[in-house]
């Protein structure tokens, strides 16, 4: 049976990691959660905020690492759930690099109200804290990307279990 790779994107605070964690626990078979933020933040000297990585040096390393991990985990018969603030270009670049694997690929783009994102961000600290001004800019850039509507999952006033069921059972998120 083919394994599934879930690529979850959305602005900071939209619930990507929470949804990814719950999908991992709900899916049949072995599963792994690749947290893009954890991979990106492995850099200790020379780290810059992803918004400030203008030459994409660290982000390109992140994409390479995600692709390599997906290849390794799926080769070993594991489902993979990855979450990060992927732009449309970035997410489809990753898809192009993994589409030849014998896997199903689902893309989920979480949408949340700006006030919800800002309130969630205020509860964060350290490198996880983004700040209201940056949140507003990321949201503006993020939604200008025009992801296909079928990939959008509204996370406003929704129960987590309902969202997990939608992602696991709705074919609209499948891109291959």
C-alpha atoms as a PDB file:
ATOM      1  CA  UNK A   1       0.000   0.000   0.000  1.00  0.00           C
ATOM      2  CA  UNK A   2       1.287   3.448  -0.918  1.00  0.00           C
ATOM      3  CA  UNK A   3       2.373   5.703   1.899  1.00  0.00           C
ATOM      4  CA  UNK A   4       1.101   9.263   2.091  1.00  0.00           C
ATOM      5  CA  UNK A   5       3.124  12.442   2.408  1.00  0.00           C
ATOM      6  CA  UNK A   6       1.191  15.388   3.839  1.00  0.00           C
ATOM      7  CA  UNK A   7       2.638  18.847   3.179  1.00  0.00           C
ATOM      8  CA  UNK A   8       0.928  21.302   5.512  1.00  0.00           C
ATOM      9  CA  UNK A   9       1.390  25.026   5.056  1.00  0.00           C
ATOM     10  CA  UNK A  10      -0.129  28.174   6.473  1.00  0.00           C
ATOM     11  CA  UNK A  11       0.890  31.381   8.218  1.00  0.00           C
ATOM     12  CA  UNK A  12       2.523  31.267  11.657  1.00  0.00           C
ATOM     13  CA  UNK A  13      -0.073  30.421  14.294  1.00  0.00           C
ATOM     14  CA  UNK A  14      -2.545  28.816  11.880  1.00  0.00           C
ATOM     15  CA  UNK A  15      -2.354  25.419  13.580  1.00  0.00           C
ATOM     16  CA  UNK A  16       0.002  23.573  11.219  1.00  0.00           C
ATOM     17  CA  UNK A  17       1.992  21.743  13.902  1.00  0.00           C
ATOM     18  CA  UNK A  18      -1.087  20.898  15.957  1.00  0.00           C
ATOM     19  CA  UNK A  19      -2.855  19.456  12.910  1.00  0.00           C
ATOM     20  CA  UNK A  20       0.280  17.598  11.789  1.00  0.00           C
ATOM     21  CA  UNK A  21       0.753  16.016  15.205  1.00  0.00           C
ATOM     22  CA  UNK A  22      -2.876  14.867  15.330  1.00  0.00           C
ATOM     23  CA  UNK A  23      -2.719  13.454  11.783  1.00  0.00           C
ATOM     24  CA  UNK A  24       0.383  11.440  12.740  1.00  0.00           C
ATOM     25  CA  UNK A  25      -1.456   9.952  15.693  1.00  0.00           C
ATOM     26  CA  UNK A  26      -4.603   9.219  13.653  1.00  0.00           C
ATOM     27  CA  UNK A  27      -3.206   7.726  10.458  1.00  0.00           C
ATOM     28  CA  UNK A  28      -2.960   3.959   9.945  1.00  0.00           C
ATOM     29  CA  UNK A  29       0.564   2.583  10.034  1.00  0.00           C
ATOM     30  CA  UNK A  30       3.870   4.127  10.968  1.00  0.00           C
ATOM     31  CA  UNK A  31       4.114   7.878  10.687  1.00  0.00           C
ATOM     32  CA  UNK A  32       6.650  10.617  11.246  1.00  0.00           C
ATOM     33  CA  UNK A  33       6.211  14.356  11.771  1.00  0.00           C
ATOM     34  CA  UNK A  34       8.843  16.539  10.107  1.00  0.00           C
ATOM     35  CA  UNK A  35       8.643  19.958  11.736  1.00  0.00           C
ATOM     36  CA  UNK A  36      10.131  22.458   9.308  1.00  0.00           C
ATOM     37  CA  UNK A  37      10.778  24.968  12.088  1.00  0.00           C
ATOM     38  CA  UNK A  38      12.865  22.436  14.023  1.00  0.00           C
ATOM     39  CA  UNK A  39      14.962  21.653  10.951  1.00  0.00           C
ATOM     40  CA  UNK A  40      15.427  25.330  10.109  1.00  0.00           C
ATOM     41  CA  UNK A  41      16.362  26.194  13.693  1.00  0.00           C
ATOM     42  CA  UNK A  42      19.107  23.562  13.821  1.00  0.00           C
ATOM     43  CA  UNK A  43      21.403  26.304  12.517  1.00  0.00           C
ATOM     44  CA  UNK A  44      22.952  27.922  15.581  1.00  0.00           C
ATOM     45  CA  UNK A  45      25.661  30.174  14.169  1.00  0.00           C
ATOM     46  CA  UNK A  46      24.609  32.243  11.186  1.00  0.00           C
ATOM     47  CA  UNK A  47      20.873  31.780  11.807  1.00  0.00           C
ATOM     48  CA  UNK A  48      18.625  34.455  10.324  1.00  0.00           C
ATOM     49  CA  UNK A  49      14.851  34.681  10.464  1.00  0.00           C
ATOM     50  CA  UNK A  50      13.400  32.979   7.354  1.00  0.00           C
ATOM     51  CA  UNK A  51      11.873  36.325   6.301  1.00  0.00           C
ATOM     52  CA  UNK A  52      15.407  37.753   6.250  1.00  0.00           C
ATOM     53  CA  UNK A  53      17.000  34.857   4.322  1.00  0.00           C
ATOM     54  CA  UNK A  54      16.911  36.909   1.128  1.00  0.00           C
ATOM     55  CA  UNK A  55      19.271  34.683  -0.850  1.00  0.00           C
ATOM     56  CA  UNK A  56      17.377  31.577   0.383  1.00  0.00           C
ATOM     57  CA  UNK A  57      20.618  29.969   1.541  1.00  0.00           C
ATOM     58  CA  UNK A  58      19.166  28.396   4.693  1.00  0.00           C
ATOM     59  CA  UNK A  59      15.758  27.789   3.111  1.00  0.00           C
ATOM     60  CA  UNK A  60      17.329  25.843   0.225  1.00  0.00           C
ATOM     61  CA  UNK A  61      19.129  23.652   2.751  1.00  0.00           C
ATOM     62  CA  UNK A  62      15.795  23.147   4.525  1.00  0.00           C
ATOM     63  CA  UNK A  63      14.097  21.986   1.280  1.00  0.00           C
ATOM     64  CA  UNK A  64      16.968  19.582   0.586  1.00  0.00           C
ATOM     65  CA  UNK A  65      16.668  18.159   4.105  1.00  0.00           C
ATOM     66  CA  UNK A  66      12.890  17.774   3.875  1.00  0.00           C
ATOM     67  CA  UNK A  67      13.138  15.977   0.520  1.00  0.00           C
ATOM     68  CA  UNK A  68      15.872  13.658   1.809  1.00  0.00           C
ATOM     69  CA  UNK A  69      13.890  12.823   4.941  1.00  0.00           C
ATOM     70  CA  UNK A  70      10.714  12.178   2.925  1.00  0.00           C
ATOM     71  CA  UNK A  71      12.643   9.844   0.614  1.00  0.00           C
ATOM     72  CA  UNK A  72      14.170   7.956   3.545  1.00  0.00           C
ATOM     73  CA  UNK A  73      10.997   7.615   5.611  1.00  0.00           C
ATOM     74  CA  UNK A  74       8.766   6.579   2.700  1.00  0.00           C
ATOM     75  CA  UNK A  75      11.379   4.082   1.481  1.00  0.00           C
ATOM     76  CA  UNK A  76      11.048   2.554   4.948  1.00  0.00           C
ATOM     77  CA  UNK A  77       7.253   2.324   4.653  1.00  0.00           C
ATOM     78  CA  UNK A  78       6.378   5.322   6.816  1.00  0.00           C
ATOM     79  CA  UNK A  79       3.766   8.019   6.245  1.00  0.00           C
ATOM     80  CA  UNK A  80       5.204  11.528   6.485  1.00  0.00           C
ATOM     81  CA  UNK A  81       3.535  14.685   7.760  1.00  0.00           C
ATOM     82  CA  UNK A  82       5.532  17.877   7.187  1.00  0.00           C
ATOM     83  CA  UNK A  83       4.586  21.343   8.326  1.00  0.00           C
ATOM     84  CA  UNK A  84       6.187  24.683   7.520  1.00  0.00           C
ATOM     85  CA  UNK A  85       5.262  28.113   6.169  1.00  0.00           C
ATOM     86  CA  UNK A  86       5.736  26.952   2.569  1.00  0.00           C
ATOM     87  CA  UNK A  87       5.021  29.450  -0.200  1.00  0.00           C
ATOM     88  CA  UNK A  88       3.184  28.108  -3.242  1.00  0.00           C
ATOM     89  CA  UNK A  89       6.446  28.062  -5.208  1.00  0.00           C
ATOM     90  CA  UNK A  90       8.284  26.254  -2.413  1.00  0.00           C
ATOM     91  CA  UNK A  91       5.629  23.615  -1.847  1.00  0.00           C
ATOM     92  CA  UNK A  92       5.348  22.764  -5.548  1.00  0.00           C
ATOM     93  CA  UNK A  93       9.145  22.658  -5.814  1.00  0.00           C
ATOM     94  CA  UNK A  94       9.195  20.020  -3.061  1.00  0.00           C
ATOM     95  CA  UNK A  95       6.386  18.136  -4.843  1.00  0.00           C
ATOM     96  CA  UNK A  96       8.387  18.133  -8.091  1.00  0.00           C
ATOM     97  CA  UNK A  97      11.301  16.543  -6.240  1.00  0.00           C
ATOM     98  CA  UNK A  98       9.251  13.763  -4.587  1.00  0.00           C
ATOM     99  CA  UNK A  99       6.505  13.070  -7.156  1.00  0.00           C
ATOM    100  CA  UNK A 100       8.401  10.134  -8.690  1.00  0.00           C
ATOM    101  CA  UNK A 101       8.340   8.231  -5.398  1.00  0.00           C
ATOM    102  CA  UNK A 102       5.660   5.560  -5.008  1.00  0.00           C
ATOM    103  CA  UNK A 103       3.576   7.721  -2.645  1.00  0.00           C
ATOM    104  CA  UNK A 104       0.386   9.712  -2.370  1.00  0.00           C
ATOM    105  CA  UNK A 105       0.937  13.437  -1.836  1.00  0.00           C
ATOM    106  CA  UNK A 106      -1.573  15.637  -0.055  1.00  0.00           C
ATOM    107  CA  UNK A 107      -1.211  19.411   0.269  1.00  0.00           C
ATOM    108  CA  UNK A 108      -3.121  21.246   2.973  1.00  0.00           C
ATOM    109  CA  UNK A 109      -3.016  25.033   3.242  1.00  0.00           C
ATOM    110  CA  UNK A 110      -4.488  26.233   6.521  1.00  0.00           C
ATOM    111  CA  UNK A 111      -6.327  29.522   6.603  1.00  0.00           C
ATOM    112  CA  UNK A 112      -7.028  31.411   9.840  1.00  0.00           C
ATOM    113  CA  UNK A 113      -8.249  34.893  10.677  1.00  0.00           C
ATOM    114  CA  UNK A 114      -5.469  37.469  11.158  1.00  0.00           C
ATOM    115  CA  UNK A 115      -6.582  38.306  14.716  1.00  0.00           C
ATOM    116  CA  UNK A 116      -6.370  34.627  15.657  1.00  0.00           C
ATOM    117  CA  UNK A 117      -2.845  34.407  14.227  1.00  0.00           C
ATOM    118  CA  UNK A 118      -1.709  37.526  16.095  1.00  0.00           C
ATOM    119  CA  UNK A 119      -3.198  36.317  19.389  1.00  0.00           C
ATOM    120  CA  UNK A 120      -1.531  32.912  19.045  1.00  0.00           C
ATOM    121  CA  UNK A 121       1.782  34.563  18.207  1.00  0.00           C
ATOM    122  CA  UNK A 122       1.628  36.713  21.348  1.00  0.00           C
ATOM    123  CA  UNK A 123       1.661  33.502  23.393  1.00  0.00           C
ATOM    124  CA  UNK A 124       4.984  32.434  21.855  1.00  0.00           C
ATOM    125  CA  UNK A 125       8.520  33.244  22.936  1.00  0.00           C
ATOM    126  CA  UNK A 126      12.053  33.014  21.562  1.00  0.00           C
ATOM    127  CA  UNK A 127      12.520  32.252  17.879  1.00  0.00           C
ATOM    128  CA  UNK A 128       8.901  31.041  17.685  1.00  0.00           C
ATOM    129  CA  UNK A 129       7.656  34.621  18.265  1.00  0.00           C
ATOM    130  CA  UNK A 130       7.122  36.419  14.961  1.00  0.00           C
ATOM    131  CA  UNK A 131       5.521  39.754  15.894  1.00  0.00           C
ATOM    132  CA  UNK A 132       2.366  41.458  14.661  1.00  0.00           C
ATOM    133  CA  UNK A 133       3.977  43.456  11.859  1.00  0.00           C
ATOM    134  CA  UNK A 134       5.695  40.388  10.426  1.00  0.00           C
ATOM    135  CA  UNK A 135       2.533  38.287  10.812  1.00  0.00           C
ATOM    136  CA  UNK A 136       0.576  40.847   8.794  1.00  0.00           C
ATOM    137  CA  UNK A 137       3.245  40.889   6.061  1.00  0.00           C
ATOM    138  CA  UNK A 138       3.504  37.088   5.948  1.00  0.00           C
ATOM    139  CA  UNK A 139      -0.284  36.759   5.694  1.00  0.00           C
ATOM    140  CA  UNK A 140      -0.396  39.349   2.905  1.00  0.00           C
ATOM    141  CA  UNK A 141       2.380  37.575   0.979  1.00  0.00           C
ATOM    142  CA  UNK A 142       1.014  34.136   1.777  1.00  0.00           C
ATOM    143  CA  UNK A 143      -2.498  34.724   0.501  1.00  0.00           C
ATOM    144  CA  UNK A 144      -1.271  36.603  -2.572  1.00  0.00           C
ATOM    145  CA  UNK A 145       0.275  33.276  -3.673  1.00  0.00           C
ATOM    146  CA  UNK A 146      -3.189  32.072  -4.743  1.00  0.00           C
ATOM    147  CA  UNK A 147      -3.032  28.441  -3.726  1.00  0.00           C
ATOM    148  CA  UNK A 148      -5.691  26.373  -5.506  1.00  0.00           C
ATOM    149  CA  UNK A 149      -8.918  26.771  -3.534  1.00  0.00           C
ATOM    150  CA  UNK A 150      -9.372  23.010  -3.141  1.00  0.00           C
ATOM    151  CA  UNK A 151      -6.190  22.888  -1.012  1.00  0.00           C
ATOM    152  CA  UNK A 152      -7.435  25.483   1.506  1.00  0.00           C
ATOM    153  CA  UNK A 153      -8.581  24.230   4.913  1.00  0.00           C
ATOM    154  CA  UNK A 154     -10.380  26.819   7.039  1.00  0.00           C
ATOM    155  CA  UNK A 155      -9.251  26.609  10.659  1.00  0.00           C
ATOM    156  CA  UNK A 156     -11.668  29.172  12.088  1.00  0.00           C
ATOM    157  CA  UNK A 157     -14.147  27.834  14.632  1.00  0.00           C
ATOM    158  CA  UNK A 158     -13.312  24.239  13.719  1.00  0.00           C
ATOM    159  CA  UNK A 159     -12.748  21.206  15.894  1.00  0.00           C
ATOM    160  CA  UNK A 160      -9.355  19.571  15.466  1.00  0.00           C
ATOM    161  CA  UNK A 161     -10.849  16.091  15.084  1.00  0.00           C
ATOM    162  CA  UNK A 162     -13.118  17.349  12.287  1.00  0.00           C
ATOM    163  CA  UNK A 163     -10.146  18.878  10.454  1.00  0.00           C
ATOM    164  CA  UNK A 164      -8.157  15.645  10.774  1.00  0.00           C
ATOM    165  CA  UNK A 165     -11.071  13.634   9.339  1.00  0.00           C
ATOM    166  CA  UNK A 166     -11.393  16.052   6.427  1.00  0.00           C
ATOM    167  CA  UNK A 167      -7.671  15.848   5.626  1.00  0.00           C
ATOM    168  CA  UNK A 168      -7.513  12.064   5.899  1.00  0.00           C
ATOM    169  CA  UNK A 169     -10.686  11.354   3.910  1.00  0.00           C
ATOM    170  CA  UNK A 170     -11.072  14.154   1.359  1.00  0.00           C
ATOM    171  CA  UNK A 171      -9.380  13.539  -1.997  1.00  0.00           C
ATOM    172  CA  UNK A 172      -9.381  17.246  -2.866  1.00  0.00           C
ATOM    173  CA  UNK A 173      -5.999  17.606  -1.113  1.00  0.00           C
ATOM    174  CA  UNK A 174      -4.342  14.903  -3.252  1.00  0.00           C
ATOM    175  CA  UNK A 175      -2.021  16.404  -5.870  1.00  0.00           C
ATOM    176  CA  UNK A 176      -0.718  13.296  -7.656  1.00  0.00           C
END
